[in-house]
Amino acid sequence: MVEPFRTTGDHGIIGDLETAALVAVDGTIDYLCSPALDSPAIFADLLDDDGGGAFF
């Protein structure tokens, strides 16, 4: 199933001052750096739609 493309305006941010995640309006986590903000991205679907990965 091909998901429709989401823009940055379709996202909100949640975090705890140590890490943050971009969450789409459908609840998908499209971008997450963990365990700290300067860590490599775990999910980067917002940056790479084909291979970035997301958590549904």
PDB file of N, CA and C in Angstrom:
ATOM      1  N   MET A   1       0.837  -1.176   0.000  1.00  0.00           N
ATOM      2  CA  MET A   1       0.000   0.000   0.000  1.00  0.00           C
ATOM      3  C   MET A   1       0.884   1.242   0.000  1.00  0.00           C
ATOM      4  N   VAL A   2       0.667   2.144  -0.913  1.00  0.00           N
ATOM      5  CA  VAL A   2       1.440   3.371  -1.023  1.00  0.00           C
ATOM      6  C   VAL A   2       0.742   4.449  -0.200  1.00  0.00           C
ATOM      7  N   GLU A   3       1.503   5.016   0.738  1.00  0.00           N
ATOM      8  CA  GLU A   3       0.966   6.083   1.577  1.00  0.00           C
ATOM      9  C   GLU A   3       1.060   7.406   0.824  1.00  0.00           C
ATOM     10  N   PRO A   4       0.108   8.309   1.028  1.00  0.00           N
ATOM     11  CA  PRO A   4       0.204   9.627   0.384  1.00  0.00           C
ATOM     12  C   PRO A   4       1.339  10.449   0.991  1.00  0.00           C
ATOM     13  N   PHE A   5       1.920  11.303   0.185  1.00  0.00           N
ATOM     14  CA  PHE A   5       3.021  12.142   0.643  1.00  0.00           C
ATOM     15  C   PHE A   5       2.511  13.147   1.672  1.00  0.00           C
ATOM     16  N   ARG A   6       3.217  13.271   2.799  1.00  0.00           N
ATOM     17  CA  ARG A   6       2.860  14.234   3.831  1.00  0.00           C
ATOM     18  C   ARG A   6       3.872  15.365   3.816  1.00  0.00           C
ATOM     19  N   THR A   7       3.402  16.595   3.942  1.00  0.00           N
ATOM     20  CA  THR A   7       4.286  17.754   3.986  1.00  0.00           C
ATOM     21  C   THR A   7       4.678  18.050   5.429  1.00  0.00           C
ATOM     22  N   THR A   8       5.604  18.974   5.622  1.00  0.00           N
ATOM     23  CA  THR A   8       6.001  19.346   6.981  1.00  0.00           C
ATOM     24  C   THR A   8       4.840  19.958   7.747  1.00  0.00           C
ATOM     25  N   GLY A   9       3.910  20.586   7.048  1.00  0.00           N
ATOM     26  CA  GLY A   9       2.737  21.164   7.701  1.00  0.00           C
ATOM     27  C   GLY A   9       1.773  20.127   8.243  1.00  0.00           C
ATOM     28  N   ASP A  10       1.935  18.876   7.831  1.00  0.00           N
ATOM     29  CA  ASP A  10       1.088  17.780   8.312  1.00  0.00           C
ATOM     30  C   ASP A  10       1.664  17.126   9.557  1.00  0.00           C
ATOM     31  N   HIS A  11       2.632  17.762  10.185  1.00  0.00           N
ATOM     32  CA  HIS A  11       3.326  17.178  11.340  1.00  0.00           C
ATOM     33  C   HIS A  11       3.266  18.087  12.557  1.00  0.00           C
ATOM     34  N   GLY A  12       3.384  17.464  13.706  1.00  0.00           N
ATOM     35  CA  GLY A  12       3.570  18.166  14.971  1.00  0.00           C
ATOM     36  C   GLY A  12       4.796  17.586  15.627  1.00  0.00           C
ATOM     37  N   ILE A  13       5.294  18.253  16.658  1.00  0.00           N
ATOM     38  CA  ILE A  13       6.482  17.770  17.335  1.00  0.00           C
ATOM     39  C   ILE A  13       6.134  17.429  18.784  1.00  0.00           C
ATOM     40  N   ILE A  14       6.661  16.296  19.227  1.00  0.00           N
ATOM     41  CA  ILE A  14       6.546  15.921  20.633  1.00  0.00           C
ATOM     42  C   ILE A  14       7.950  15.634  21.143  1.00  0.00           C
ATOM     43  N   GLY A  15       8.191  15.933  22.387  1.00  0.00           N
ATOM     44  CA  GLY A  15       9.518  15.700  22.929  1.00  0.00           C
ATOM     45  C   GLY A  15       9.570  15.964  24.422  1.00  0.00           C
ATOM     46  N   ASP A  16      10.761  15.731  24.997  1.00  0.00           N
ATOM     47  CA  ASP A  16      10.940  15.886  26.435  1.00  0.00           C
ATOM     48  C   ASP A  16      12.204  16.674  26.773  1.00  0.00           C
ATOM     49  N   LEU A  17      12.623  17.564  25.884  1.00  0.00           N
ATOM     50  CA  LEU A  17      13.819  18.398  26.018  1.00  0.00           C
ATOM     51  C   LEU A  17      15.120  17.608  25.871  1.00  0.00           C
ATOM     52  N   GLU A  18      15.056  16.305  25.691  1.00  0.00           N
ATOM     53  CA  GLU A  18      16.237  15.492  25.402  1.00  0.00           C
ATOM     54  C   GLU A  18      16.165  14.897  24.008  1.00  0.00           C
ATOM     55  N   THR A  19      14.973  14.593  23.551  1.00  0.00           N
ATOM     56  CA  THR A  19      14.756  14.071  22.212  1.00  0.00           C
ATOM     57  C   THR A  19      13.425  14.587  21.710  1.00  0.00           C
ATOM     58  N   ALA A  20      13.189  14.453  20.414  1.00  0.00           N
ATOM     59  CA  ALA A  20      11.946  14.934  19.818  1.00  0.00           C
ATOM     60  C   ALA A  20      11.582  14.066  18.628  1.00  0.00           C
ATOM     61  N   ALA A  21      10.293  14.019  18.340  1.00  0.00           N
ATOM     62  CA  ALA A  21       9.799  13.246  17.202  1.00  0.00           C
ATOM     63  C   ALA A  21       8.819  14.097  16.413  1.00  0.00           C
ATOM     64  N   LEU A  22       8.856  13.960  15.091  1.00  0.00           N
ATOM     65  CA  LEU A  22       7.854  14.574  14.239  1.00  0.00           C
ATOM     66  C   LEU A  22       6.763  13.543  13.994  1.00  0.00           C
ATOM     67  N   VAL A  23       5.547  13.879  14.366  1.00  0.00           N
ATOM     68  CA  VAL A  23       4.420  12.964  14.268  1.00  0.00           C
ATOM     69  C   VAL A  23       3.426  13.527  13.259  1.00  0.00           C
ATOM     70  N   ALA A  24       3.049  12.718  12.280  1.00  0.00           N
ATOM     71  CA  ALA A  24       2.102  13.139  11.251  1.00  0.00           C
ATOM     72  C   ALA A  24       0.684  13.138  11.804  1.00  0.00           C
ATOM     73  N   VAL A  25      -0.217  13.776  11.085  1.00  0.00           N
ATOM     74  CA  VAL A  25      -1.608  13.873  11.522  1.00  0.00           C
ATOM     75  C   VAL A  25      -2.281  12.504  11.642  1.00  0.00           C
ATOM     76  N   ASP A  26      -1.751  11.489  10.958  1.00  0.00           N
ATOM     77  CA  ASP A  26      -2.316  10.143  11.066  1.00  0.00           C
ATOM     78  C   ASP A  26      -1.646   9.312  12.164  1.00  0.00           C
ATOM     79  N   GLY A  27      -0.728   9.930  12.938  1.00  0.00           N
ATOM     80  CA  GLY A  27      -0.071   9.251  14.048  1.00  0.00           C
ATOM     81  C   GLY A  27       1.248   8.592  13.708  1.00  0.00           C
ATOM     82  N   THR A  28       1.671   8.653  12.471  1.00  0.00           N
ATOM     83  CA  THR A  28       2.933   8.054  12.047  1.00  0.00           C
ATOM     84  C   THR A  28       4.113   8.890  12.535  1.00  0.00           C
ATOM     85  N   ILE A  29       5.101   8.241  13.131  1.00  0.00           N
ATOM     86  CA  ILE A  29       6.330   8.935  13.507  1.00  0.00           C
ATOM     87  C   ILE A  29       7.254   8.900  12.296  1.00  0.00           C
ATOM     88  N   ASP A  30       7.468  10.071  11.696  1.00  0.00           N
ATOM     89  CA  ASP A  30       8.253  10.159  10.468  1.00  0.00           C
ATOM     90  C   ASP A  30       9.699  10.569  10.703  1.00  0.00           C
ATOM     91  N   TYR A  31      10.007  11.147  11.836  1.00  0.00           N
ATOM     92  CA  TYR A  31      11.386  11.562  12.109  1.00  0.00           C
ATOM     93  C   TYR A  31      11.619  11.489  13.607  1.00  0.00           C
ATOM     94  N   LEU A  32      12.689  10.795  14.013  1.00  0.00           N
ATOM     95  CA  LEU A  32      13.004  10.643  15.427  1.00  0.00           C
ATOM     96  C   LEU A  32      14.500  10.466  15.593  1.00  0.00           C
ATOM     97  N   CYS A  33      15.095  11.280  16.448  1.00  0.00           N
ATOM     98  CA  CYS A  33      16.483  11.107  16.869  1.00  0.00           C
ATOM     99  C   CYS A  33      16.462  10.649  18.313  1.00  0.00           C
ATOM    100  N   SER A  34      17.166   9.583  18.605  1.00  0.00           N
ATOM    101  CA  SER A  34      17.157   9.062  19.968  1.00  0.00           C
ATOM    102  C   SER A  34      18.500   8.437  20.266  1.00  0.00           C
ATOM    103  N   PRO A  35      19.042   8.566  21.427  1.00  0.00           N
ATOM    104  CA  PRO A  35      18.459   9.046  22.682  1.00  0.00           C
ATOM    105  C   PRO A  35      18.636  10.538  22.930  1.00  0.00           C
ATOM    106  N   ALA A  36      19.246  11.278  22.020  1.00  0.00           N
ATOM    107  CA  ALA A  36      19.427  12.716  22.200  1.00  0.00           C
ATOM    108  C   ALA A  36      19.167  13.431  20.879  1.00  0.00           C
ATOM    109  N   LEU A  37      18.959  14.745  20.954  1.00  0.00           N
ATOM    110  CA  LEU A  37      18.653  15.514  19.743  1.00  0.00           C
ATOM    111  C   LEU A  37      19.776  15.487  18.711  1.00  0.00           C
ATOM    112  N   ASP A  38      21.012  15.322  19.151  1.00  0.00           N
ATOM    113  CA  ASP A  38      22.124  15.306  18.199  1.00  0.00           C
ATOM    114  C   ASP A  38      22.515  13.888  17.773  1.00  0.00           C
ATOM    115  N   SER A  39      21.692  12.896  18.105  1.00  0.00           N
ATOM    116  CA  SER A  39      21.923  11.512  17.677  1.00  0.00           C
ATOM    117  C   SER A  39      21.482  11.324  16.229  1.00  0.00           C
ATOM    118  N   PRO A  40      21.971  10.281  15.569  1.00  0.00           N
ATOM    119  CA  PRO A  40      21.492   9.987  14.220  1.00  0.00           C
ATOM    120  C   PRO A  40      19.998   9.664  14.233  1.00  0.00           C
ATOM    121  N   ALA A  41      19.335   9.923  13.130  1.00  0.00           N
ATOM    122  CA  ALA A  41      17.898   9.682  13.026  1.00  0.00           C
ATOM    123  C   ALA A  41      17.602   8.185  12.978  1.00  0.00           C
ATOM    124  N   ILE A  42      16.599   7.764  13.731  1.00  0.00           N
ATOM    125  CA  ILE A  42      16.134   6.377  13.695  1.00  0.00           C
ATOM    126  C   ILE A  42      15.098   6.225  12.590  1.00  0.00           C
ATOM    127  N   PHE A  43      14.134   7.119  12.569  1.00  0.00           N
ATOM    128  CA  PHE A  43      13.139   7.159  11.501  1.00  0.00           C
ATOM    129  C   PHE A  43      13.361   8.453  10.738  1.00  0.00           C
ATOM    130  N   ALA A  44      13.460   8.373   9.424  1.00  0.00           N
ATOM    131  CA  ALA A  44      13.702   9.575   8.622  1.00  0.00           C
ATOM    132  C   ALA A  44      12.845   9.563   7.368  1.00  0.00           C
ATOM    133  N   ASP A  45      11.605   9.127   7.492  1.00  0.00           N
ATOM    134  CA  ASP A  45      10.710   9.055   6.345  1.00  0.00           C
ATOM    135  C   ASP A  45      10.446  10.435   5.751  1.00  0.00           C
ATOM    136  N   LEU A  46      10.506  11.456   6.568  1.00  0.00           N
ATOM    137  CA  LEU A  46      10.301  12.811   6.077  1.00  0.00           C
ATOM    138  C   LEU A  46      11.402  13.221   5.105  1.00  0.00           C
ATOM    139  N   LEU A  47      12.611  12.696   5.300  1.00  0.00           N
ATOM    140  CA  LEU A  47      13.744  13.038   4.447  1.00  0.00           C
ATOM    141  C   LEU A  47      13.909  12.102   3.261  1.00  0.00           C
ATOM    142  N   ASP A  48      13.568  10.824   3.430  1.00  0.00           N
ATOM    143  CA  ASP A  48      13.759   9.821   2.382  1.00  0.00           C
ATOM    144  C   ASP A  48      12.536   8.919   2.339  1.00  0.00           C
ATOM    145  N   ASP A  49      11.615   9.217   1.453  1.00  0.00           N
ATOM    146  CA  ASP A  49      10.341   8.501   1.378  1.00  0.00           C
ATOM    147  C   ASP A  49      10.504   7.024   1.054  1.00  0.00           C
ATOM    148  N   ASP A  50      11.548   6.669   0.300  1.00  0.00           N
ATOM    149  CA  ASP A  50      11.726   5.265  -0.089  1.00  0.00           C
ATOM    150  C   ASP A  50      12.452   4.420   0.949  1.00  0.00           C
ATOM    151  N   GLY A  51      13.472   4.961   1.589  1.00  0.00           N
ATOM    152  CA  GLY A  51      14.278   4.143   2.491  1.00  0.00           C
ATOM    153  C   GLY A  51      14.452   4.708   3.890  1.00  0.00           C
ATOM    154  N   GLY A  52      13.752   5.796   4.209  1.00  0.00           N
ATOM    155  CA  GLY A  52      13.956   6.444   5.496  1.00  0.00           C
ATOM    156  C   GLY A  52      13.325   5.722   6.659  1.00  0.00           C
ATOM    157  N   GLY A  53      12.222   5.059   6.441  1.00  0.00           N
ATOM    158  CA  GLY A  53      11.544   4.334   7.496  1.00  0.00           C
ATOM    159  C   GLY A  53      10.626   5.201   8.315  1.00  0.00           C
ATOM    160  N   ALA A  54       9.605   4.577   8.864  1.00  0.00           N
ATOM    161  CA  ALA A  54       8.621   5.262   9.703  1.00  0.00           C
ATOM    162  C   ALA A  54       8.032   4.244  10.659  1.00  0.00           C
ATOM    163  N   PHE A  55       7.410   4.709  11.715  1.00  0.00           N
ATOM    164  CA  PHE A  55       6.733   3.846  12.671  1.00  0.00           C
ATOM    165  C   PHE A  55       5.249   4.122  12.583  1.00  0.00           C
ATOM    166  N   PHE A  56       4.483   3.092  12.193  1.00  0.00           N
ATOM    167  CA  PHE A  56       3.045   3.259  12.001  1.00  0.00           C
ATOM    168  C   PHE A  56       2.292   2.828  13.224  1.00  0.00           C
TER     169      PHE A  56
END
